[in-house]
Amino acid sequence: MSKKIGLIVGGRRFDVDIDKEFAPYLLSQMAKDFNIDGNNEIKILLQAYIRKNYDLYSQEIKMQKLLKEFDNLG
């Protein structure tokens, strides 16, 4: 089952269908990054994209560090 979520960027509304179970998480994350009730400039979208990719990068570094620690235990 899917749910439709919308965001206004540069004066245009974009609607996407996402998994219903994923929707609450995505909405809470979008509320941190965007004005979910109004317009968002393209710069805001780019900043959110960079922030999320930095989060993924940081998680990858932590995961690699943990994997090395596990390898050293064995």
PDB file of N, CA and C in Angstrom:
ATOM      1  N   MET A   1       0.846  -1.178   0.000  1.00  0.00           N
ATOM      2  CA  MET A   1       0.000   0.000   0.000  1.00  0.00           C
ATOM      3  C   MET A   1       0.891   1.240   0.000  1.00  0.00           C
ATOM      4  N   SER A   2       0.463   2.296  -0.642  1.00  0.00           N
ATOM      5  CA  SER A   2       1.283   3.499  -0.709  1.00  0.00           C
ATOM      6  C   SER A   2       0.531   4.710  -0.190  1.00  0.00           C
ATOM      7  N   LYS A   3       1.310   5.747   0.068  1.00  0.00           N
ATOM      8  CA  LYS A   3       0.752   7.005   0.543  1.00  0.00           C
ATOM      9  C   LYS A   3       1.394   8.115  -0.276  1.00  0.00           C
ATOM     10  N   LYS A   4       0.625   9.137  -0.602  1.00  0.00           N
ATOM     11  CA  LYS A   4       1.116  10.267  -1.382  1.00  0.00           C
ATOM     12  C   LYS A   4       1.600  11.365  -0.439  1.00  0.00           C
ATOM     13  N   ILE A   5       2.816  11.845  -0.684  1.00  0.00           N
ATOM     14  CA  ILE A   5       3.390  12.945   0.089  1.00  0.00           C
ATOM     15  C   ILE A   5       3.797  14.034  -0.885  1.00  0.00           C
ATOM     16  N   GLY A   6       3.522  15.284  -0.528  1.00  0.00           N
ATOM     17  CA  GLY A   6       3.834  16.390  -1.415  1.00  0.00           C
ATOM     18  C   GLY A   6       4.757  17.408  -0.770  1.00  0.00           C
ATOM     19  N   LEU A   7       5.485  18.108  -1.636  1.00  0.00           N
ATOM     20  CA  LEU A   7       6.396  19.170  -1.200  1.00  0.00           C
ATOM     21  C   LEU A   7       6.418  20.227  -2.286  1.00  0.00           C
ATOM     22  N   ILE A   8       6.428  21.489  -1.880  1.00  0.00           N
ATOM     23  CA  ILE A   8       6.493  22.582  -2.841  1.00  0.00           C
ATOM     24  C   ILE A   8       7.937  23.078  -2.907  1.00  0.00           C
ATOM     25  N   VAL A   9       8.504  23.033  -4.105  1.00  0.00           N
ATOM     26  CA  VAL A   9       9.876  23.469  -4.338  1.00  0.00           C
ATOM     27  C   VAL A   9       9.863  24.430  -5.523  1.00  0.00           C
ATOM     28  N   GLY A  10      10.425  25.605  -5.299  1.00  0.00           N
ATOM     29  CA  GLY A  10      10.482  26.591  -6.375  1.00  0.00           C
ATOM     30  C   GLY A  10       9.114  26.957  -6.914  1.00  0.00           C
ATOM     31  N   GLY A  11       8.114  26.961  -6.051  1.00  0.00           N
ATOM     32  CA  GLY A  11       6.765  27.325  -6.451  1.00  0.00           C
ATOM     33  C   GLY A  11       5.973  26.209  -7.127  1.00  0.00           C
ATOM     34  N   ARG A  12       6.563  25.034  -7.271  1.00  0.00           N
ATOM     35  CA  ARG A  12       5.871  23.899  -7.899  1.00  0.00           C
ATOM     36  C   ARG A  12       5.674  22.792  -6.878  1.00  0.00           C
ATOM     37  N   ARG A  13       4.508  22.194  -6.913  1.00  0.00           N
ATOM     38  CA  ARG A  13       4.199  21.092  -6.005  1.00  0.00           C
ATOM     39  C   ARG A  13       4.617  19.763  -6.645  1.00  0.00           C
ATOM     40  N   PHE A  14       5.320  18.970  -5.859  1.00  0.00           N
ATOM     41  CA  PHE A  14       5.736  17.640  -6.298  1.00  0.00           C
ATOM     42  C   PHE A  14       5.138  16.619  -5.342  1.00  0.00           C
ATOM     43  N   ASP A  15       4.409  15.666  -5.892  1.00  0.00           N
ATOM     44  CA  ASP A  15       3.801  14.592  -5.110  1.00  0.00           C
ATOM     45  C   ASP A  15       4.485  13.280  -5.468  1.00  0.00           C
ATOM     46  N   VAL A  16       4.782  12.492  -4.452  1.00  0.00           N
ATOM     47  CA  VAL A  16       5.382  11.179  -4.669  1.00  0.00           C
ATOM     48  C   VAL A  16       4.605  10.133  -3.876  1.00  0.00           C
ATOM     49  N   ASP A  17       4.540   8.944  -4.427  1.00  0.00           N
ATOM     50  CA  ASP A  17       3.930   7.814  -3.725  1.00  0.00           C
ATOM     51  C   ASP A  17       5.033   7.045  -3.031  1.00  0.00           C
ATOM     52  N   ILE A  18       4.851   6.812  -1.734  1.00  0.00           N
ATOM     53  CA  ILE A  18       5.833   6.059  -0.955  1.00  0.00           C
ATOM     54  C   ILE A  18       5.117   4.979  -0.154  1.00  0.00           C
ATOM     55  N   ASP A  19       5.888   4.048   0.350  1.00  0.00           N
ATOM     56  CA  ASP A  19       5.358   2.974   1.177  1.00  0.00           C
ATOM     57  C   ASP A  19       4.664   3.554   2.404  1.00  0.00           C
ATOM     58  N   LYS A  20       3.487   3.050   2.707  1.00  0.00           N
ATOM     59  CA  LYS A  20       2.675   3.563   3.822  1.00  0.00           C
ATOM     60  C   LYS A  20       3.413   3.448   5.160  1.00  0.00           C
ATOM     61  N   GLU A  21       4.181   2.377   5.352  1.00  0.00           N
ATOM     62  CA  GLU A  21       4.915   2.187   6.606  1.00  0.00           C
ATOM     63  C   GLU A  21       6.090   3.154   6.733  1.00  0.00           C
ATOM     64  N   PHE A  22       6.659   3.568   5.614  1.00  0.00           N
ATOM     65  CA  PHE A  22       7.783   4.487   5.589  1.00  0.00           C
ATOM     66  C   PHE A  22       7.339   5.944   5.759  1.00  0.00           C
ATOM     67  N   ALA A  23       6.092   6.238   5.435  1.00  0.00           N
ATOM     68  CA  ALA A  23       5.574   7.605   5.408  1.00  0.00           C
ATOM     69  C   ALA A  23       5.777   8.384   6.715  1.00  0.00           C
ATOM     70  N   PRO A  24       5.443   7.837   7.888  1.00  0.00           N
ATOM     71  CA  PRO A  24       5.618   8.622   9.116  1.00  0.00           C
ATOM     72  C   PRO A  24       7.090   9.036   9.349  1.00  0.00           C
ATOM     73  N   TYR A  25       8.000   8.113   9.075  1.00  0.00           N
ATOM     74  CA  TYR A  25       9.418   8.433   9.243  1.00  0.00           C
ATOM     75  C   TYR A  25       9.833   9.536   8.269  1.00  0.00           C
ATOM     76  N   LEU A  26       9.468   9.384   7.010  1.00  0.00           N
ATOM     77  CA  LEU A  26       9.844  10.378   6.012  1.00  0.00           C
ATOM     78  C   LEU A  26       9.258  11.742   6.339  1.00  0.00           C
ATOM     79  N   LEU A  27       8.000  11.768   6.741  1.00  0.00           N
ATOM     80  CA  LEU A  27       7.367  13.044   7.086  1.00  0.00           C
ATOM     81  C   LEU A  27       8.086  13.734   8.245  1.00  0.00           C
ATOM     82  N   SER A  28       8.501  12.970   9.252  1.00  0.00           N
ATOM     83  CA  SER A  28       9.205  13.593  10.385  1.00  0.00           C
ATOM     84  C   SER A  28      10.565  14.121   9.947  1.00  0.00           C
ATOM     85  N   GLN A  29      11.250  13.403   9.052  1.00  0.00           N
ATOM     86  CA  GLN A  29      12.533  13.874   8.546  1.00  0.00           C
ATOM     87  C   GLN A  29      12.354  15.101   7.651  1.00  0.00           C
ATOM     88  N   MET A  30      11.333  15.086   6.820  1.00  0.00           N
ATOM     89  CA  MET A  30      11.075  16.236   5.947  1.00  0.00           C
ATOM     90  C   MET A  30      10.738  17.478   6.756  1.00  0.00           C
ATOM     91  N   ALA A  31      10.054  17.310   7.873  1.00  0.00           N
ATOM     92  CA  ALA A  31       9.707  18.447   8.722  1.00  0.00           C
ATOM     93  C   ALA A  31      10.957  19.111   9.293  1.00  0.00           C
ATOM     94  N   LYS A  32      12.034  18.339   9.457  1.00  0.00           N
ATOM     95  CA  LYS A  32      13.298  18.896   9.956  1.00  0.00           C
ATOM     96  C   LYS A  32      14.034  19.682   8.872  1.00  0.00           C
ATOM     97  N   ASP A  33      13.842  19.276   7.617  1.00  0.00           N
ATOM     98  CA  ASP A  33      14.613  19.862   6.521  1.00  0.00           C
ATOM     99  C   ASP A  33      13.868  20.918   5.709  1.00  0.00           C
ATOM    100  N   PHE A  34      12.551  20.853   5.689  1.00  0.00           N
ATOM    101  CA  PHE A  34      11.778  21.701   4.783  1.00  0.00           C
ATOM    102  C   PHE A  34      10.626  22.398   5.490  1.00  0.00           C
ATOM    103  N   ASN A  35      10.118  23.416   4.823  1.00  0.00           N
ATOM    104  CA  ASN A  35       8.851  24.019   5.199  1.00  0.00           C
ATOM    105  C   ASN A  35       7.785  23.158   4.527  1.00  0.00           C
ATOM    106  N   ILE A  36       7.216  22.219   5.257  1.00  0.00           N
ATOM    107  CA  ILE A  36       6.298  21.263   4.624  1.00  0.00           C
ATOM    108  C   ILE A  36       4.933  21.879   4.304  1.00  0.00           C
ATOM    109  N   ASP A  37       4.655  23.071   4.839  1.00  0.00           N
ATOM    110  CA  ASP A  37       3.382  23.727   4.572  1.00  0.00           C
ATOM    111  C   ASP A  37       3.488  24.849   3.547  1.00  0.00           C
ATOM    112  N   GLY A  38       4.712  25.170   3.116  1.00  0.00           N
ATOM    113  CA  GLY A  38       4.882  26.280   2.181  1.00  0.00           C
ATOM    114  C   GLY A  38       5.961  25.992   1.161  1.00  0.00           C
ATOM    115  N   ASN A  39       6.399  27.045   0.507  1.00  0.00           N
ATOM    116  CA  ASN A  39       7.376  26.935  -0.562  1.00  0.00           C
ATOM    117  C   ASN A  39       8.791  26.754  -0.015  1.00  0.00           C
ATOM    118  N   ASN A  40       9.581  25.997  -0.736  1.00  0.00           N
ATOM    119  CA  ASN A  40      10.994  25.785  -0.418  1.00  0.00           C
ATOM    120  C   ASN A  40      11.816  26.179  -1.638  1.00  0.00           C
ATOM    121  N   GLU A  41      12.818  26.992  -1.425  1.00  0.00           N
ATOM    122  CA  GLU A  41      13.700  27.355  -2.520  1.00  0.00           C
ATOM    123  C   GLU A  41      14.568  26.160  -2.889  1.00  0.00           C
ATOM    124  N   ILE A  42      15.061  26.138  -4.095  1.00  0.00           N
ATOM    125  CA  ILE A  42      15.899  25.032  -4.566  1.00  0.00           C
ATOM    126  C   ILE A  42      17.149  24.905  -3.705  1.00  0.00           C
ATOM    127  N   LYS A  43      17.672  26.014  -3.204  1.00  0.00           N
ATOM    128  CA  LYS A  43      18.856  25.988  -2.339  1.00  0.00           C
ATOM    129  C   LYS A  43      18.601  25.131  -1.090  1.00  0.00           C
ATOM    130  N   ILE A  44      17.397  25.219  -0.524  1.00  0.00           N
ATOM    131  CA  ILE A  44      17.030  24.430   0.653  1.00  0.00           C
ATOM    132  C   ILE A  44      17.049  22.942   0.306  1.00  0.00           C
ATOM    133  N   LEU A  45      16.561  22.589  -0.867  1.00  0.00           N
ATOM    134  CA  LEU A  45      16.569  21.197  -1.315  1.00  0.00           C
ATOM    135  C   LEU A  45      18.002  20.680  -1.441  1.00  0.00           C
ATOM    136  N   LEU A  46      18.873  21.484  -2.024  1.00  0.00           N
ATOM    137  CA  LEU A  46      20.274  21.091  -2.167  1.00  0.00           C
ATOM    138  C   LEU A  46      20.945  20.934  -0.801  1.00  0.00           C
ATOM    139  N   GLN A  47      20.679  21.849   0.115  1.00  0.00           N
ATOM    140  CA  GLN A  47      21.254  21.753   1.460  1.00  0.00           C
ATOM    141  C   GLN A  47      20.793  20.484   2.165  1.00  0.00           C
ATOM    142  N   ALA A  48      19.522  20.137   2.035  1.00  0.00           N
ATOM    143  CA  ALA A  48      19.000  18.912   2.654  1.00  0.00           C
ATOM    144  C   ALA A  48      19.652  17.683   2.031  1.00  0.00           C
ATOM    145  N   TYR A  49      19.833  17.694   0.726  1.00  0.00           N
ATOM    146  CA  TYR A  49      20.470  16.572   0.038  1.00  0.00           C
ATOM    147  C   TYR A  49      21.897  16.379   0.536  1.00  0.00           C
ATOM    148  N   ILE A  50      22.635  17.460   0.655  1.00  0.00           N
ATOM    149  CA  ILE A  50      24.019  17.380   1.137  1.00  0.00           C
ATOM    150  C   ILE A  50      24.058  16.902   2.578  1.00  0.00           C
ATOM    151  N   ARG A  51      23.163  17.422   3.425  1.00  0.00           N
ATOM    152  CA  ARG A  51      23.103  17.011   4.832  1.00  0.00           C
ATOM    153  C   ARG A  51      22.836  15.511   4.961  1.00  0.00           C
ATOM    154  N   LYS A  52      21.880  15.006   4.190  1.00  0.00           N
ATOM    155  CA  LYS A  52      21.536  13.584   4.264  1.00  0.00           C
ATOM    156  C   LYS A  52      22.681  12.713   3.762  1.00  0.00           C
ATOM    157  N   ASN A  53      23.371  13.169   2.729  1.00  0.00           N
ATOM    158  CA  ASN A  53      24.520  12.405   2.246  1.00  0.00           C
ATOM    159  C   ASN A  53      25.653  12.427   3.243  1.00  0.00           C
ATOM    160  N   TYR A  54      25.834  13.520   3.963  1.00  0.00           N
ATOM    161  CA  TYR A  54      26.844  13.550   5.010  1.00  0.00           C
ATOM    162  C   TYR A  54      26.486  12.565   6.121  1.00  0.00           C
ATOM    163  N   ASP A  55      25.205  12.497   6.462  1.00  0.00           N
ATOM    164  CA  ASP A  55      24.758  11.524   7.464  1.00  0.00           C
ATOM    165  C   ASP A  55      25.076  10.102   7.013  1.00  0.00           C
ATOM    166  N   LEU A  56      24.819   9.791   5.749  1.00  0.00           N
ATOM    167  CA  LEU A  56      25.128   8.460   5.218  1.00  0.00           C
ATOM    168  C   LEU A  56      26.629   8.191   5.247  1.00  0.00           C
ATOM    169  N   TYR A  57      27.415   9.190   4.895  1.00  0.00           N
ATOM    170  CA  TYR A  57      28.876   9.071   4.932  1.00  0.00           C
ATOM    171  C   TYR A  57      29.355   8.769   6.358  1.00  0.00           C
ATOM    172  N   SER A  58      28.835   9.514   7.318  1.00  0.00           N
ATOM    173  CA  SER A  58      29.211   9.310   8.722  1.00  0.00           C
ATOM    174  C   SER A  58      28.839   7.910   9.195  1.00  0.00           C
ATOM    175  N   GLN A  59      27.659   7.446   8.819  1.00  0.00           N
ATOM    176  CA  GLN A  59      27.229   6.093   9.190  1.00  0.00           C
ATOM    177  C   GLN A  59      28.139   5.045   8.560  1.00  0.00           C
ATOM    178  N   GLU A  60      28.535   5.257   7.322  1.00  0.00           N
ATOM    179  CA  GLU A  60      29.427   4.318   6.641  1.00  0.00           C
ATOM    180  C   GLU A  60      30.782   4.241   7.350  1.00  0.00           C
ATOM    181  N   ILE A  61      31.320   5.377   7.756  1.00  0.00           N
ATOM    182  CA  ILE A  61      32.598   5.410   8.478  1.00  0.00           C
ATOM    183  C   ILE A  61      32.474   4.638   9.792  1.00  0.00           C
ATOM    184  N   LYS A  62      31.394   4.878  10.534  1.00  0.00           N
ATOM    185  CA  LYS A  62      31.171   4.177  11.801  1.00  0.00           C
ATOM    186  C   LYS A  62      31.025   2.671  11.578  1.00  0.00           C
ATOM    187  N   MET A  63      30.299   2.292  10.528  1.00  0.00           N
ATOM    188  CA  MET A  63      30.093   0.884  10.249  1.00  0.00           C
ATOM    189  C   MET A  63      31.422   0.209   9.887  1.00  0.00           C
ATOM    190  N   GLN A  64      32.237   0.870   9.087  1.00  0.00           N
ATOM    191  CA  GLN A  64      33.536   0.305   8.723  1.00  0.00           C
ATOM    192  C   GLN A  64      34.428   0.151   9.953  1.00  0.00           C
ATOM    193  N   LYS A  65      34.368   1.121  10.859  1.00  0.00           N
ATOM    194  CA  LYS A  65      35.149   1.054  12.096  1.00  0.00           C
ATOM    195  C   LYS A  65      34.703  -0.139  12.951  1.00  0.00           C
ATOM    196  N   LEU A  66      33.384  -0.323  13.080  1.00  0.00           N
ATOM    197  CA  LEU A  66      32.858  -1.459  13.840  1.00  0.00           C
ATOM    198  C   LEU A  66      33.249  -2.792  13.210  1.00  0.00           C
ATOM    199  N   LEU A  67      33.189  -2.867  11.891  1.00  0.00           N
ATOM    200  CA  LEU A  67      33.577  -4.101  11.214  1.00  0.00           C
ATOM    201  C   LEU A  67      35.039  -4.425  11.456  1.00  0.00           C
ATOM    202  N   LYS A  68      35.902  -3.425  11.463  1.00  0.00           N
ATOM    203  CA  LYS A  68      37.324  -3.653  11.766  1.00  0.00           C
ATOM    204  C   LYS A  68      37.501  -4.163  13.186  1.00  0.00           C
ATOM    205  N   GLU A  69      36.739  -3.567  14.122  1.00  0.00           N
ATOM    206  CA  GLU A  69      36.814  -4.004  15.515  1.00  0.00           C
ATOM    207  C   GLU A  69      36.373  -5.466  15.651  1.00  0.00           C
ATOM    208  N   PHE A  70      35.302  -5.859  14.959  1.00  0.00           N
ATOM    209  CA  PHE A  70      34.851  -7.252  14.988  1.00  0.00           C
ATOM    210  C   PHE A  70      35.898  -8.175  14.376  1.00  0.00           C
ATOM    211  N   ASP A  71      36.504  -7.763  13.296  1.00  0.00           N
ATOM    212  CA  ASP A  71      37.555  -8.571  12.657  1.00  0.00           C
ATOM    213  C   ASP A  71      38.732  -8.767  13.594  1.00  0.00           C
ATOM    214  N   ASN A  72      39.067  -7.734  14.364  1.00  0.00           N
ATOM    215  CA  ASN A  72      40.194  -7.819  15.305  1.00  0.00           C
ATOM    216  C   ASN A  72      39.897  -8.724  16.491  1.00  0.00           C
ATOM    217  N   LEU A  73      38.611  -8.914  16.814  1.00  0.00           N
ATOM    218  CA  LEU A  73      38.230  -9.781  17.923  1.00  0.00           C
ATOM    219  C   LEU A  73      38.432 -11.259  17.570  1.00  0.00           C
ATOM    220  N   GLY A  74      38.257 -11.573  16.321  1.00  0.00           N
ATOM    221  CA  GLY A  74      38.296 -12.968  15.891  1.00  0.00           C
ATOM    222  C   GLY A  74      39.615 -13.390  15.486  1.00  0.00           C
TER     223      GLY A  74
END
